[in-house]
């Protein structure tokens, strides 16, 4: 594996790990009876699947929103 491949692979693996963590943590919160939800206007994110998709599309926007909604 060349250095160029490594620079392309490491961020991809970090992105994948972050999305997987959000999904598993949201799923654990649902199982514990404390689901994580966010509503901004008509946009409502309230399932582990929705959180994972949102994070996979816009990680740098929805990861901080997930962490903030998780604490409330």
N, C-alpha and C. Protein backbone atom coordinates (compact mmCIF):
# COMPACT_ATOMS: atom_id res chain seq x y z
N UNK A 1 0.85 -1.18 0.00
CA UNK A 1 0.00 0.00 0.00
C UNK A 1 0.89 1.23 0.00
N UNK A 2 0.64 2.11 -0.94
CA UNK A 2 1.46 3.31 -1.04
C UNK A 2 0.97 4.36 -0.04
N UNK A 3 1.76 5.38 0.12
CA UNK A 3 1.41 6.47 1.02
C UNK A 3 0.15 7.19 0.56
N UNK A 4 -0.03 7.30 -0.73
CA UNK A 4 -1.23 7.95 -1.29
C UNK A 4 -2.47 7.13 -0.94
N UNK A 5 -2.37 5.82 -1.08
CA UNK A 5 -3.48 4.94 -0.72
C UNK A 5 -3.81 5.05 0.76
N UNK A 6 -2.78 5.15 1.58
CA UNK A 6 -2.99 5.27 3.02
C UNK A 6 -3.72 6.56 3.37
N UNK A 7 -3.32 7.66 2.73
CA UNK A 7 -3.99 8.94 2.98
C UNK A 7 -5.45 8.92 2.53
N UNK A 8 -5.79 8.09 1.57
CA UNK A 8 -7.17 7.97 1.12
C UNK A 8 -7.96 7.01 2.00
N UNK A 9 -7.30 5.98 2.52
CA UNK A 9 -7.98 4.94 3.28
C UNK A 9 -8.25 5.34 4.73
N UNK A 10 -7.33 5.99 5.38
CA UNK A 10 -7.49 6.34 6.79
C UNK A 10 -8.71 7.23 7.03
N UNK A 11 -8.91 8.31 6.29
CA UNK A 11 -10.12 9.10 6.52
C UNK A 11 -11.41 8.33 6.23
N UNK A 12 -11.38 7.47 5.24
CA UNK A 12 -12.55 6.67 4.92
C UNK A 12 -12.88 5.73 6.08
N UNK A 13 -11.87 5.10 6.66
CA UNK A 13 -12.10 4.21 7.81
C UNK A 13 -12.58 4.99 9.03
N UNK A 14 -12.06 6.19 9.24
CA UNK A 14 -12.51 7.03 10.36
C UNK A 14 -13.97 7.43 10.16
N UNK A 15 -14.34 7.81 8.93
CA UNK A 15 -15.72 8.16 8.62
C UNK A 15 -16.65 6.98 8.87
N UNK A 16 -16.26 5.80 8.40
CA UNK A 16 -17.06 4.60 8.59
C UNK A 16 -17.20 4.25 10.07
N UNK A 17 -16.12 4.35 10.83
CA UNK A 17 -16.16 4.06 12.26
C UNK A 17 -17.08 5.03 13.00
N UNK A 18 -17.03 6.31 12.63
CA UNK A 18 -17.88 7.31 13.29
C UNK A 18 -19.35 7.03 13.00
N UNK A 19 -19.68 6.69 11.76
CA UNK A 19 -21.08 6.39 11.41
C UNK A 19 -21.56 5.14 12.12
N UNK A 20 -20.71 4.15 12.21
CA UNK A 20 -21.07 2.91 12.91
C UNK A 20 -21.26 3.17 14.40
N UNK A 21 -20.40 3.99 14.99
CA UNK A 21 -20.54 4.31 16.40
C UNK A 21 -21.85 5.04 16.67
N UNK A 22 -22.19 6.01 15.82
CA UNK A 22 -23.45 6.75 16.00
C UNK A 22 -24.63 5.79 15.93
N UNK A 23 -24.62 4.89 14.96
CA UNK A 23 -25.72 3.93 14.83
C UNK A 23 -25.83 3.04 16.07
N UNK A 24 -24.72 2.47 16.50
CA UNK A 24 -24.76 1.55 17.65
C UNK A 24 -25.12 2.28 18.93
N UNK A 25 -24.64 3.50 19.13
CA UNK A 25 -24.97 4.26 20.33
C UNK A 25 -26.43 4.66 20.32
N UNK A 26 -26.94 5.10 19.17
CA UNK A 26 -28.36 5.46 19.07
C UNK A 26 -29.23 4.24 19.32
N UNK A 27 -28.82 3.10 18.82
CA UNK A 27 -29.55 1.86 19.03
C UNK A 27 -29.56 1.48 20.52
N UNK A 28 -28.44 1.65 21.20
CA UNK A 28 -28.37 1.36 22.63
C UNK A 28 -29.25 2.31 23.43
N UNK A 29 -29.31 3.58 23.01
CA UNK A 29 -30.18 4.53 23.70
C UNK A 29 -31.65 4.18 23.50
N UNK A 30 -32.03 3.70 22.33
CA UNK A 30 -33.41 3.27 22.09
C UNK A 30 -33.72 2.08 23.00
N UNK A 31 -32.81 1.13 23.09
CA UNK A 31 -33.02 -0.05 23.93
C UNK A 31 -33.13 0.33 25.41
N UNK A 32 -32.44 1.39 25.81
CA UNK A 32 -32.49 1.84 27.20
C UNK A 32 -33.72 2.71 27.47
N UNK A 33 -34.49 3.02 26.43
CA UNK A 33 -35.70 3.83 26.61
C UNK A 33 -35.45 5.32 26.54
N UNK A 34 -34.27 5.71 26.10
CA UNK A 34 -33.96 7.14 25.97
C UNK A 34 -33.47 7.43 24.55
N UNK A 35 -34.39 7.38 23.58
CA UNK A 35 -33.96 7.61 22.20
C UNK A 35 -33.42 9.02 22.00
N UNK A 36 -32.48 9.14 21.10
CA UNK A 36 -31.89 10.43 20.76
C UNK A 36 -32.66 10.97 19.56
N UNK A 37 -33.20 12.18 19.68
CA UNK A 37 -33.94 12.75 18.57
C UNK A 37 -33.58 14.21 18.40
N UNK A 38 -33.79 14.67 17.21
CA UNK A 38 -33.52 16.06 16.86
C UNK A 38 -34.60 16.50 15.88
N UNK A 39 -35.14 17.68 16.12
CA UNK A 39 -36.11 18.24 15.18
C UNK A 39 -35.73 19.68 14.89
N UNK A 40 -35.53 19.95 13.60
CA UNK A 40 -35.25 21.30 13.13
C UNK A 40 -36.26 21.58 12.03
N UNK A 41 -37.27 22.35 12.35
CA UNK A 41 -38.35 22.60 11.40
C UNK A 41 -39.06 21.30 11.08
N UNK A 42 -39.14 20.97 9.80
CA UNK A 42 -39.80 19.74 9.38
C UNK A 42 -38.87 18.53 9.42
N UNK A 43 -37.58 18.77 9.59
CA UNK A 43 -36.60 17.68 9.65
C UNK A 43 -36.60 17.06 11.03
N UNK A 44 -36.90 15.76 11.10
CA UNK A 44 -36.89 15.05 12.38
C UNK A 44 -36.03 13.80 12.22
N UNK A 45 -35.05 13.67 13.09
CA UNK A 45 -34.17 12.50 13.10
C UNK A 45 -34.38 11.83 14.45
N UNK A 46 -34.96 10.63 14.41
CA UNK A 46 -35.32 9.99 15.68
C UNK A 46 -35.08 8.48 15.72
N UNK A 47 -34.48 7.92 14.70
CA UNK A 47 -34.17 6.49 14.71
C UNK A 47 -32.67 6.30 14.50
N UNK A 48 -32.13 5.17 14.97
CA UNK A 48 -30.71 4.90 14.74
C UNK A 48 -30.35 4.90 13.25
N UNK A 49 -31.25 4.39 12.43
CA UNK A 49 -30.99 4.36 10.99
C UNK A 49 -30.91 5.77 10.41
N UNK A 50 -31.82 6.64 10.84
CA UNK A 50 -31.82 8.02 10.35
C UNK A 50 -30.54 8.75 10.80
N UNK A 51 -30.11 8.52 12.03
CA UNK A 51 -28.87 9.12 12.50
C UNK A 51 -27.68 8.62 11.69
N UNK A 52 -27.63 7.34 11.41
CA UNK A 52 -26.51 6.78 10.64
C UNK A 52 -26.48 7.34 9.22
N UNK A 53 -27.64 7.45 8.59
CA UNK A 53 -27.69 8.00 7.23
C UNK A 53 -27.29 9.47 7.25
N UNK A 54 -27.81 10.23 8.21
CA UNK A 54 -27.47 11.65 8.29
C UNK A 54 -25.97 11.83 8.51
N UNK A 55 -25.39 11.02 9.37
CA UNK A 55 -23.95 11.13 9.62
C UNK A 55 -23.14 10.69 8.41
N UNK A 56 -23.63 9.71 7.69
CA UNK A 56 -22.87 9.27 6.51
C UNK A 56 -22.91 10.32 5.41
N UNK A 57 -23.97 11.10 5.35
CA UNK A 57 -24.08 12.13 4.31
C UNK A 57 -23.31 13.39 4.72
N UNK A 58 -23.52 13.85 5.93
CA UNK A 58 -22.89 15.09 6.41
C UNK A 58 -22.32 14.87 7.82
N UNK A 59 -21.25 14.12 7.90
CA UNK A 59 -20.66 13.75 9.19
C UNK A 59 -20.33 14.97 10.04
N UNK A 60 -19.71 15.98 9.45
CA UNK A 60 -19.24 17.11 10.24
C UNK A 60 -20.37 18.01 10.73
N UNK A 61 -21.56 17.83 10.20
CA UNK A 61 -22.73 18.57 10.68
C UNK A 61 -23.49 17.75 11.70
N UNK A 62 -23.78 16.48 11.38
CA UNK A 62 -24.67 15.69 12.22
C UNK A 62 -23.99 15.00 13.39
N UNK A 63 -22.70 14.76 13.36
CA UNK A 63 -22.02 14.17 14.51
C UNK A 63 -22.09 15.10 15.72
N UNK A 64 -21.75 16.40 15.59
CA UNK A 64 -21.93 17.29 16.74
C UNK A 64 -23.39 17.45 17.16
N UNK A 65 -24.31 17.46 16.19
CA UNK A 65 -25.73 17.54 16.56
C UNK A 65 -26.16 16.31 17.33
N UNK A 66 -25.66 15.14 16.92
CA UNK A 66 -26.00 13.90 17.63
C UNK A 66 -25.47 13.97 19.06
N UNK A 67 -24.24 14.38 19.24
CA UNK A 67 -23.66 14.44 20.58
C UNK A 67 -24.40 15.45 21.45
N UNK A 68 -24.82 16.57 20.88
CA UNK A 68 -25.58 17.56 21.65
C UNK A 68 -26.97 17.03 22.00
N UNK A 69 -27.64 16.38 21.07
CA UNK A 69 -28.97 15.83 21.34
C UNK A 69 -28.90 14.66 22.30
N UNK A 70 -27.83 13.94 22.29
CA UNK A 70 -27.64 12.79 23.17
C UNK A 70 -27.58 13.23 24.65
N UNK A 71 -27.03 14.39 24.91
CA UNK A 71 -26.89 14.85 26.28
C UNK A 71 -28.17 15.45 26.84
N UNK A 72 -29.10 15.84 25.96
CA UNK A 72 -30.32 16.49 26.46
C UNK A 72 -31.37 15.49 26.88
